[in-house]
C-alpha atoms as a PDB file:
ATOM      1  CA  MET A   1     -34.569   9.714-108.772  1.00  0.00           C
ATOM      2  CA  VAL A   2     -35.065  13.267-107.638  1.00  0.00           C
ATOM      3  CA  SER A   3     -37.526  14.412-105.012  1.00  0.00           C
ATOM      4  CA  SER A   4     -39.341  17.666-105.696  1.00  0.00           C
ATOM      5  CA  GLY A   5     -39.545  18.518-101.991  1.00  0.00           C
ATOM      6  CA  CYS A   6     -42.418  20.788-101.012  1.00  0.00           C
ATOM      7  CA  GLU A   7     -44.764  23.038-102.920  1.00  0.00           C
ATOM      8  CA  VAL A   8     -46.533  25.929-101.208  1.00  0.00           C
ATOM      9  CA  ILE A   9     -50.246  25.588-101.922  1.00  0.00           C
ATOM     10  CA  ASN A  10     -51.204  29.123-100.849  1.00  0.00           C
ATOM     11  CA  ASN A  11     -48.334  31.340-102.050  1.00  0.00           C
ATOM     12  CA  ASN A  12     -49.709  34.821-101.346  1.00  0.00           C
ATOM     13  CA  ILE A  13     -51.589  34.760 -98.075  1.00  0.00           C
ATOM     14  CA  ASN A  14     -53.719  37.762 -97.191  1.00  0.00           C
ATOM     15  CA  VAL A  15     -54.612  37.906 -93.492  1.00  0.00           C
ATOM     16  CA  PRO A  16     -57.324  40.494 -92.815  1.00  0.00           C
ATOM     17  CA  LEU A  17     -56.867  41.684 -89.235  1.00  0.00           C
ATOM     18  CA  GLY A  18     -59.796  44.064 -89.591  1.00  0.00           C
ATOM     19  CA  SER A  19     -60.522  47.425 -88.049  1.00  0.00           C
ATOM     20  CA  VAL A  20     -60.093  47.504 -84.289  1.00  0.00           C
ATOM     21  CA  ALA A  21     -60.858  50.122 -81.666  1.00  0.00           C
ATOM     22  CA  LYS A  22     -58.003  51.695 -79.719  1.00  0.00           C
ATOM     23  CA  SER A  23     -59.899  50.617 -76.596  1.00  0.00           C
ATOM     24  CA  SER A  24     -59.272  46.945 -77.464  1.00  0.00           C
ATOM     25  CA  PHE A  25     -55.634  47.406 -76.378  1.00  0.00           C
ATOM     26  CA  ASN A  26     -54.508  47.446 -72.728  1.00  0.00           C
ATOM     27  CA  GLY A  27     -51.226  49.315 -73.149  1.00  0.00           C
ATOM     28  CA  VAL A  28     -47.784  48.627 -74.569  1.00  0.00           C
ATOM     29  CA  GLY A  29     -47.289  44.942 -75.370  1.00  0.00           C
ATOM     30  CA  SER A  30     -50.994  44.138 -75.516  1.00  0.00           C
ATOM     31  CA  VAL A  31     -52.505  42.431 -78.547  1.00  0.00           C
ATOM     32  CA  SER A  32     -56.029  43.346 -79.601  1.00  0.00           C
ATOM     33  CA  PRO A  33     -58.136  40.182 -79.247  1.00  0.00           C
ATOM     34  CA  ASP A  34     -60.396  41.615 -81.953  1.00  0.00           C
ATOM     35  CA  SER A  35     -57.555  41.388 -84.480  1.00  0.00           C
ATOM     36  CA  LEU A  36     -56.278  37.864 -83.783  1.00  0.00           C
ATOM     37  CA  GLN A  37     -56.366  35.618 -86.829  1.00  0.00           C
ATOM     38  CA  ASP A  38     -55.232  32.044 -87.344  1.00  0.00           C
ATOM     39  CA  VAL A  39     -53.423  31.463 -90.616  1.00  0.00           C
ATOM     40  CA  ASN A  40     -51.913  28.344 -92.149  1.00  0.00           C
ATOM     41  CA  ILE A  41     -49.098  27.993 -94.636  1.00  0.00           C
ATOM     42  CA  ASP A  42     -50.205  24.907 -96.544  1.00  0.00           C
ATOM     43  CA  LEU A  43     -47.663  22.649 -98.227  1.00  0.00           C
ATOM     44  CA  ASP A  44     -47.805  19.609-100.480  1.00  0.00           C
ATOM     45  CA  CYS A  45     -44.621  17.626 -99.833  1.00  0.00           C
ATOM     46  CA  ASP A  46     -42.801  14.535-100.916  1.00  0.00           C
ATOM     47  CA  PRO A  47     -41.361  12.674 -97.911  1.00  0.00           C
ATOM     48  CA  VAL A  48     -38.767  15.132 -96.612  1.00  0.00           C
ATOM     49  CA  SER A  49     -37.157  15.829 -93.274  1.00  0.00           C
ATOM     50  CA  PRO A  50     -36.827  18.203 -91.630  1.00  0.00           C
ATOM     51  CA  ILE A  51     -38.967  21.132 -92.814  1.00  0.00           C
ATOM     52  CA  LYS A  52     -37.751  24.541 -91.663  1.00  0.00           C
ATOM     53  CA  ILE A  53     -39.132  28.020 -92.235  1.00  0.00           C
ATOM     54  CA  LYS A  54     -37.600  31.485 -91.986  1.00  0.00           C
ATOM     55  CA  PHE A  55     -39.588  34.714 -91.799  1.00  0.00           C
ATOM     56  CA  ASP A  56     -38.273  38.011 -93.121  1.00  0.00           C
ATOM     57  CA  GLY A  57     -39.828  41.426 -92.735  1.00  0.00           C
ATOM     58  CA  THR A  58     -39.094  44.871 -91.365  1.00  0.00           C
ATOM     59  CA  PRO A  59     -38.940  44.617 -87.573  1.00  0.00           C
ATOM     60  CA  ASP A  60     -40.965  47.159 -85.640  1.00  0.00           C
ATOM     61  CA  ALA A  61     -38.838  49.994 -84.235  1.00  0.00           C
ATOM     62  CA  SER A  62     -39.848  48.947 -80.701  1.00  0.00           C
ATOM     63  CA  GLN A  63     -38.016  45.630 -81.207  1.00  0.00           C
ATOM     64  CA  THR A  64     -41.035  43.824 -79.730  1.00  0.00           C
ATOM     65  CA  ALA A  65     -40.556  40.064 -80.253  1.00  0.00           C
ATOM     66  CA  GLY A  66     -42.105  38.687 -83.431  1.00  0.00           C
ATOM     67  CA  THR A  67     -43.402  42.089 -84.500  1.00  0.00           C
ATOM     68  CA  ILE A  68     -43.147  43.606 -87.954  1.00  0.00           C
ATOM     69  CA  SER A  69     -43.585  47.282 -88.661  1.00  0.00           C
ATOM     70  CA  LEU A  70     -46.555  48.572 -90.574  1.00  0.00           C
ATOM     71  CA  ASN A  71     -46.098  49.254 -94.288  1.00  0.00           C
ATOM     72  CA  ASN A  72     -45.307  52.893 -95.100  1.00  0.00           C
ATOM     73  CA  ALA A  73     -44.600  53.592 -91.424  1.00  0.00           C
ATOM     74  CA  ASN A  74     -43.610  57.215 -92.096  1.00  0.00           C
ATOM     75  CA  ASP A  75     -46.764  58.005 -94.088  1.00  0.00           C
ATOM     76  CA  SER A  76     -49.179  60.341 -92.287  1.00  0.00           C
ATOM     77  CA  ASN A  77     -52.086  57.964 -93.042  1.00  0.00           C
ATOM     78  CA  THR A  78     -50.403  54.983 -91.334  1.00  0.00           C
ATOM     79  CA  ALA A  79     -51.288  54.104 -87.739  1.00  0.00           C
ATOM     80  CA  LYS A  80     -48.594  54.933 -85.175  1.00  0.00           C
ATOM     81  CA  GLY A  81     -47.652  52.981 -82.049  1.00  0.00           C
ATOM     82  CA  TYR A  82     -48.752  49.616 -83.410  1.00  0.00           C
ATOM     83  CA  GLY A  83     -47.206  46.646 -85.191  1.00  0.00           C
ATOM     84  CA  ILE A  84     -48.247  43.183 -86.304  1.00  0.00           C
ATOM     85  CA  GLN A  85     -47.102  40.297 -84.132  1.00  0.00           C
ATOM     86  CA  VAL A  86     -46.853  36.784 -85.586  1.00  0.00           C
ATOM     87  CA  LYS A  87     -46.674  33.667 -83.427  1.00  0.00           C
ATOM     88  CA  TYR A  88     -45.850  30.015 -84.058  1.00  0.00           C
ATOM     89  CA  GLN A  89     -46.822  27.555 -81.316  1.00  0.00           C
ATOM     90  CA  ASN A  90     -47.928  30.481 -79.124  1.00  0.00           C
ATOM     91  CA  GLN A  91     -44.444  32.042 -79.238  1.00  0.00           C
ATOM     92  CA  PRO A  92     -43.454  35.169 -81.186  1.00  0.00           C
ATOM     93  CA  ILE A  93     -41.451  34.272 -84.282  1.00  0.00           C
ATOM     94  CA  GLU A  94     -37.823  35.389 -84.585  1.00  0.00           C
ATOM     95  CA  LEU A  95     -37.289  37.273 -87.823  1.00  0.00           C
ATOM     96  CA  GLY A  96     -34.437  35.907 -89.914  1.00  0.00           C
ATOM     97  CA  LYS A  97     -34.070  32.670 -87.923  1.00  0.00           C
ATOM     98  CA  LEU A  98     -34.783  29.171 -89.252  1.00  0.00           C
ATOM     99  CA  ILE A  99     -37.470  27.377 -87.237  1.00  0.00           C
ATOM    100  CA  THR A 100     -37.938  23.610 -87.492  1.00  0.00           C
ATOM    101  CA  VAL A 101     -41.637  22.934 -88.036  1.00  0.00           C
ATOM    102  CA  SER A 102     -41.367  19.205 -88.750  1.00  0.00           C
ATOM    103  CA  GLU A 103     -38.597  16.702 -88.058  1.00  0.00           C
ATOM    104  CA  LYS A 104     -40.104  14.185 -90.478  1.00  0.00           C
ATOM    105  CA  ASN A 105     -42.900  14.602 -92.981  1.00  0.00           C
ATOM    106  CA  ASN A 106     -44.725  11.852 -94.790  1.00  0.00           C
ATOM    107  CA  SER A 107     -45.800  12.483 -98.352  1.00  0.00           C
ATOM    108  CA  GLY A 108     -48.844  14.718 -98.682  1.00  0.00           C
ATOM    109  CA  ASN A 109     -50.307  17.875 -97.231  1.00  0.00           C
ATOM    110  CA  PHE A 110     -48.703  19.654 -94.293  1.00  0.00           C
ATOM    111  CA  SER A 111     -49.761  22.905 -92.600  1.00  0.00           C
ATOM    112  CA  ILE A 112     -47.726  25.400 -90.608  1.00  0.00           C
ATOM    113  CA  PRO A 113     -50.149  27.079 -88.173  1.00  0.00           C
ATOM    114  CA  LEU A 114     -49.531  30.712 -87.244  1.00  0.00           C
ATOM    115  CA  GLU A 115     -51.395  33.459 -85.424  1.00  0.00           C
ATOM    116  CA  ALA A 116     -51.255  37.165 -86.258  1.00  0.00           C
ATOM    117  CA  GLY A 117     -52.645  40.249 -84.569  1.00  0.00           C
ATOM    118  CA  TYR A 118     -52.141  43.940 -83.954  1.00  0.00           C
ATOM    119  CA  ILE A 119     -49.925  44.762 -80.970  1.00  0.00           C
ATOM    120  CA  GLN A 120     -49.481  48.110 -79.243  1.00  0.00           C
ATOM    121  CA  THR A 121     -45.795  49.050 -79.311  1.00  0.00           C
ATOM    122  CA  SER A 122     -45.840  52.585 -77.873  1.00  0.00           C
ATOM    123  CA  GLU A 123     -47.675  54.620 -75.230  1.00  0.00           C
ATOM    124  CA  THR A 124     -48.444  57.212 -77.909  1.00  0.00           C
ATOM    125  CA  THR A 125     -50.783  55.880 -80.598  1.00  0.00           C
ATOM    126  CA  THR A 126     -52.565  57.273 -83.632  1.00  0.00           C
ATOM    127  CA  ALA A 127     -55.291  55.617 -85.683  1.00  0.00           C
ATOM    128  CA  GLY A 128     -54.656  54.933 -89.363  1.00  0.00           C
ATOM    129  CA  LYS A 129     -53.937  52.319 -91.981  1.00  0.00           C
ATOM    130  CA  ALA A 130     -52.268  49.207 -90.555  1.00  0.00           C
ATOM    131  CA  ASP A 131     -51.006  46.818 -93.238  1.00  0.00           C
ATOM    132  CA  GLY A 132     -47.835  44.747 -92.996  1.00  0.00           C
ATOM    133  CA  THR A 133     -45.767  42.430 -95.169  1.00  0.00           C
ATOM    134  CA  LEU A 134     -43.948  39.266 -94.118  1.00  0.00           C
ATOM    135  CA  GLN A 135     -42.046  36.900 -96.412  1.00  0.00           C
ATOM    136  CA  PHE A 136     -41.197  33.282 -95.685  1.00  0.00           C
ATOM    137  CA  THR A 137     -38.590  30.883 -97.039  1.00  0.00           C
ATOM    138  CA  LEU A 138     -38.779  27.102 -96.694  1.00  0.00           C
ATOM    139  CA  GLN A 139     -35.819  24.783 -96.274  1.00  0.00           C
ATOM    140  CA  TYR A 140     -36.114  21.018 -96.606  1.00  0.00           C
ATOM    141  CA  HIS A 141     -33.956  18.043 -97.541  1.00  0.00           C
END
């Protein structure tokens, strides 16, 4: 018998962070509360253990924890001085590192809860387009 493992229910997840005012930030390292969004990666799994996830994306030049750079960062229409921070269990994710999200999973649906929001990464900021891309890879036995 062979177990199929886990299937991602929502493969391409679009997380609209919206348009936010520069005044919603309080300086470098602050996240705009107006942009915060909860997002779930939903899985349908056979009994497997453990379930791990790894996130890959372009880190923001500021090296702020859990922060990816905006798409087309060098484009004149892209916002400057901001990134997108992603958190798991209220902690910034570490890009490229496997995170255990479940030691044991019973058969059925399982969700990985995340939070994303715009973060100010520089004293100097410019308004503009602020999209980002983050990939994830699952590992399970």
